[in-house]
């Protein structure tokens, strides 16, 4: 017999584990960028809350989000599982590369995208990898995006992007936002999908992350 359902809220008015839908709903309903998921196993709920849970993926499609930062129910199956990475051999202004490994959960296809530039930065390559991957995906997709870049992830999950746009692309310190051209393109690309971020530690043996790193470095080496 299935256990009583609990709800994990990763991003909401309050975060944590809640034992009823009413409690969960109070934290996520109307909250920009809310992230939550229901579980029958409290241990799995805790793992997911701590970014240690990888859900069993299947097919399924989702409609395009109707708001800039929609509430996303993590029970929705992913259309794509995407890993991205960027590399710069001499940061900044050295040769760099980017890569994305894209697993299409609907068509069952695996795609690798990669490229490079003769003079760039590590951050620009991280952003370019995500931009190229999201541009590749079908519009209106649910995407689980795995990245080892806090710079990329935090801009969306910590609402940095919202603040930059509100201030006219100026940081809280009053300086122009770096890589504004890429951020603006990413803003448009993200609005076409429902993206769920997962941070993955680099160089710890995660196969897809290691593959992205290999491809990105190989692209950067072409300019040596």
Protein backbone atom coordinates (compact mmCIF):
# COMPACT_ATOMS: atom_id res chain seq x y z
CA UNK A 1 0.00 0.00 0.00
CA UNK A 2 1.33 3.43 -0.94
CA UNK A 3 2.35 5.67 1.92
CA UNK A 4 0.84 9.02 2.71
CA UNK A 5 1.92 11.67 0.23
CA UNK A 6 4.23 14.47 1.32
CA UNK A 7 5.26 17.55 -0.61
CA UNK A 8 8.74 19.02 -0.99
CA UNK A 9 8.99 22.74 -1.79
CA UNK A 10 12.35 23.78 -3.16
CA UNK A 11 11.35 27.33 -4.02
CA UNK A 12 8.33 29.04 -2.43
CA UNK A 13 7.23 31.33 0.39
CA UNK A 14 8.59 28.68 2.73
CA UNK A 15 10.71 25.70 1.70
CA UNK A 16 10.86 22.23 3.18
CA UNK A 17 8.65 19.15 3.55
CA UNK A 18 4.89 19.57 3.99
CA UNK A 19 2.46 16.82 4.94
CA UNK A 20 -0.62 18.11 3.14
CA UNK A 21 -1.43 19.64 -0.23
CA UNK A 22 -3.08 22.61 1.49
CA UNK A 23 0.21 23.48 3.24
CA UNK A 24 2.18 23.04 0.02
CA UNK A 25 -0.29 25.07 -2.03
CA UNK A 26 -0.01 27.96 0.41
CA UNK A 27 3.73 28.13 -0.29
CA UNK A 28 3.70 27.84 -4.09
CA UNK A 29 0.43 29.22 -5.45
CA UNK A 30 1.14 32.56 -7.14
CA UNK A 31 4.81 32.48 -6.13
CA UNK A 32 7.08 33.35 -9.11
CA UNK A 33 9.33 30.46 -10.07
CA UNK A 34 7.91 28.07 -7.45
CA UNK A 35 9.29 24.52 -7.52
CA UNK A 36 7.62 21.60 -5.74
CA UNK A 37 7.02 17.87 -6.04
CA UNK A 38 4.89 15.24 -4.32
CA UNK A 39 6.33 12.01 -2.89
CA UNK A 40 5.09 8.93 -1.06
CA UNK A 41 8.55 8.35 0.44
CA UNK A 42 9.74 11.13 2.81
CA UNK A 43 13.36 10.07 2.25
CA UNK A 44 13.05 10.64 -1.49
CA UNK A 45 11.40 13.99 -0.79
CA UNK A 46 14.39 15.02 1.33
CA UNK A 47 16.83 13.88 -1.36
CA UNK A 48 15.01 15.89 -4.01
CA UNK A 49 14.87 18.92 -1.76
CA UNK A 50 18.67 18.69 -1.42
CA UNK A 51 19.10 18.33 -5.22
CA UNK A 52 20.06 14.67 -4.81
CA UNK A 53 17.00 13.22 -6.51
CA UNK A 54 16.90 12.31 -10.21
CA UNK A 55 13.32 11.49 -11.22
CA UNK A 56 12.39 8.58 -13.52
CA UNK A 57 11.83 10.30 -16.84
CA UNK A 58 9.30 9.41 -19.50
CA UNK A 59 7.72 11.02 -22.51
CA UNK A 60 5.06 13.68 -22.48
CA UNK A 61 4.69 17.19 -23.77
CA UNK A 62 3.87 20.49 -22.12
CA UNK A 63 2.40 23.69 -23.44
CA UNK A 64 4.41 26.88 -23.53
CA UNK A 65 4.46 28.79 -20.24
CA UNK A 66 2.04 31.68 -20.01
CA UNK A 67 4.11 33.76 -17.58
CA UNK A 68 7.71 34.85 -17.43
CA UNK A 69 8.42 32.67 -14.42
CA UNK A 70 5.71 30.00 -14.30
CA UNK A 71 5.10 27.69 -11.39
CA UNK A 72 6.36 24.28 -12.52
CA UNK A 73 5.06 21.09 -10.97
CA UNK A 74 8.04 18.77 -10.84
CA UNK A 75 5.71 15.80 -11.43
CA UNK A 76 5.63 16.85 -15.11
CA UNK A 77 7.76 14.51 -17.23
CA UNK A 78 10.72 16.06 -19.03
CA UNK A 79 10.78 16.33 -22.81
CA UNK A 80 14.56 16.79 -22.70
CA UNK A 81 17.37 16.04 -20.30
CA UNK A 82 20.20 18.43 -21.13
CA UNK A 83 23.74 18.71 -19.79
CA UNK A 84 25.84 21.75 -20.69
CA UNK A 85 29.37 22.93 -20.01
CA UNK A 86 31.83 25.60 -21.05
CA UNK A 87 35.62 25.77 -21.04
CA UNK A 88 38.25 28.45 -21.47
CA UNK A 89 41.92 27.46 -21.66
CA UNK A 90 43.10 30.87 -20.47
CA UNK A 91 40.42 32.84 -18.65
CA UNK A 92 39.66 35.57 -19.62
CA UNK A 93 40.36 36.22 -23.30
CA UNK A 94 41.69 32.78 -24.14
CA UNK A 95 40.40 30.14 -26.55
CA UNK A 96 37.23 28.51 -25.34
CA UNK A 97 34.64 25.89 -26.16
CA UNK A 98 31.10 24.95 -25.23
CA UNK A 99 29.09 21.72 -25.43
CA UNK A 100 25.65 20.28 -24.76
CA UNK A 101 24.48 16.68 -24.53
CA UNK A 102 20.76 16.53 -25.26
CA UNK A 103 18.62 13.46 -24.57
CA UNK A 104 15.21 13.76 -26.26
CA UNK A 105 12.79 11.83 -24.05
CA UNK A 106 10.02 11.93 -26.64
CA UNK A 107 11.89 10.74 -29.73
CA UNK A 108 14.57 8.77 -27.90
CA UNK A 109 17.42 10.55 -29.67
CA UNK A 110 20.75 11.73 -28.27
CA UNK A 111 22.30 14.87 -29.75
CA UNK A 112 25.69 16.46 -29.04
CA UNK A 113 26.20 20.14 -29.87
CA UNK A 114 29.55 21.91 -29.53
CA UNK A 115 31.56 24.85 -30.80
CA UNK A 116 34.24 27.31 -29.79
CA UNK A 117 35.74 30.78 -30.07
CA UNK A 118 39.37 31.99 -30.30
CA UNK A 119 39.01 34.60 -27.53
CA UNK A 120 36.33 34.38 -24.85
CA UNK A 121 35.68 33.65 -21.17
CA UNK A 122 34.54 30.61 -19.26
CA UNK A 123 31.25 32.29 -18.34
CA UNK A 124 30.47 33.18 -21.95
CA UNK A 125 31.03 29.58 -22.94
CA UNK A 126 28.72 28.34 -20.17
CA UNK A 127 25.98 30.70 -21.33
CA UNK A 128 26.50 29.84 -24.99
CA UNK A 129 26.15 26.12 -24.25
CA UNK A 130 22.79 26.66 -22.56
CA UNK A 131 21.60 29.04 -25.29
CA UNK A 132 22.44 26.61 -28.08
CA UNK A 133 20.77 23.72 -26.26
CA UNK A 134 17.56 25.62 -25.54
CA UNK A 135 17.44 26.94 -29.09
CA UNK A 136 17.68 23.34 -30.31
CA UNK A 137 14.73 22.13 -28.20
CA UNK A 138 11.16 22.20 -29.46
CA UNK A 139 9.23 25.22 -28.22
CA UNK A 140 7.04 24.64 -25.19
CA UNK A 141 9.18 21.79 -23.86
CA UNK A 142 9.74 20.75 -20.26
CA UNK A 143 13.52 20.67 -19.84
CA UNK A 144 15.69 19.37 -17.03
CA UNK A 145 18.91 21.33 -17.42
CA UNK A 146 22.02 20.08 -15.63
CA UNK A 147 24.90 22.52 -15.26
CA UNK A 148 27.98 22.93 -13.07
CA UNK A 149 27.76 26.72 -13.50
CA UNK A 150 26.30 28.55 -10.50
CA UNK A 151 26.61 31.73 -12.60
CA UNK A 152 24.10 30.37 -15.10
CA UNK A 153 21.78 28.68 -12.60
CA UNK A 154 21.59 31.49 -10.06
CA UNK A 155 20.65 34.10 -12.65
CA UNK A 156 17.32 32.29 -13.00
CA UNK A 157 16.77 30.45 -9.71
CA UNK A 158 17.78 33.43 -7.55
CA UNK A 159 16.00 35.96 -9.77
CA UNK A 160 19.15 37.85 -10.74
CA UNK A 161 17.73 38.16 -14.24
CA UNK A 162 14.55 39.81 -12.97
CA UNK A 163 16.58 42.42 -11.10
CA UNK A 164 18.87 43.12 -14.03
CA UNK A 165 15.95 43.69 -16.37
CA UNK A 166 14.15 45.90 -13.87
CA UNK A 167 17.26 48.06 -13.44
CA UNK A 168 17.94 48.31 -17.17
CA UNK A 169 20.67 45.65 -17.21
CA UNK A 170 22.61 47.17 -14.34
CA UNK A 171 23.76 45.16 -11.32
CA UNK A 172 22.92 45.93 -7.70
CA UNK A 173 26.36 47.56 -7.50
CA UNK A 174 25.43 49.94 -10.32
CA UNK A 175 27.72 48.41 -12.97
CA UNK A 176 26.64 47.12 -16.38
CA UNK A 177 25.75 43.43 -16.46
CA UNK A 178 28.53 41.43 -18.08
CA UNK A 179 27.60 39.27 -21.07
CA UNK A 180 24.39 41.23 -21.52
CA UNK A 181 24.06 40.12 -25.15
CA UNK A 182 23.98 36.44 -24.16
CA UNK A 183 21.73 37.01 -21.14
CA UNK A 184 19.16 38.76 -23.32
CA UNK A 185 19.17 35.88 -25.79
CA UNK A 186 18.90 33.39 -22.94
CA UNK A 187 15.98 35.32 -21.46
CA UNK A 188 14.09 34.88 -24.73
CA UNK A 189 15.11 31.22 -25.04
CA UNK A 190 14.01 30.38 -21.49
CA UNK A 191 10.63 32.05 -21.97
CA UNK A 192 9.88 29.53 -24.73
CA UNK A 193 10.21 26.54 -22.36
CA UNK A 194 9.67 25.32 -18.81
CA UNK A 195 13.22 24.84 -17.51
CA UNK A 196 14.10 23.05 -14.28
CA UNK A 197 17.65 23.61 -13.10
CA UNK A 198 19.83 20.93 -11.54
CA UNK A 199 23.31 21.79 -10.34
CA UNK A 200 25.87 19.05 -10.84
CA UNK A 201 29.38 19.16 -9.40
CA UNK A 202 31.97 19.06 -12.16
CA UNK A 203 34.70 16.46 -12.54
CA UNK A 204 33.18 13.87 -10.21
CA UNK A 205 32.45 11.22 -12.82
CA UNK A 206 28.96 12.20 -14.00
CA UNK A 207 29.10 10.75 -17.51
CA UNK A 208 27.13 13.43 -19.38
CA UNK A 209 28.96 16.25 -17.60
CA UNK A 210 32.32 14.65 -18.34
CA UNK A 211 31.35 14.26 -22.00
CA UNK A 212 30.40 17.95 -22.22
CA UNK A 213 33.72 18.90 -20.64
CA UNK A 214 35.61 16.71 -23.13
CA UNK A 215 33.81 18.21 -26.13
CA UNK A 216 34.19 21.80 -24.90
CA UNK A 217 37.91 21.43 -24.27
CA UNK A 218 38.42 19.80 -27.65
CA UNK A 219 36.77 22.80 -29.31
CA UNK A 220 38.95 25.22 -27.35
CA UNK A 221 42.10 23.29 -28.33
CA UNK A 222 41.35 23.93 -32.00
CA UNK A 223 42.47 27.54 -31.46
CA UNK A 224 45.77 26.68 -29.79
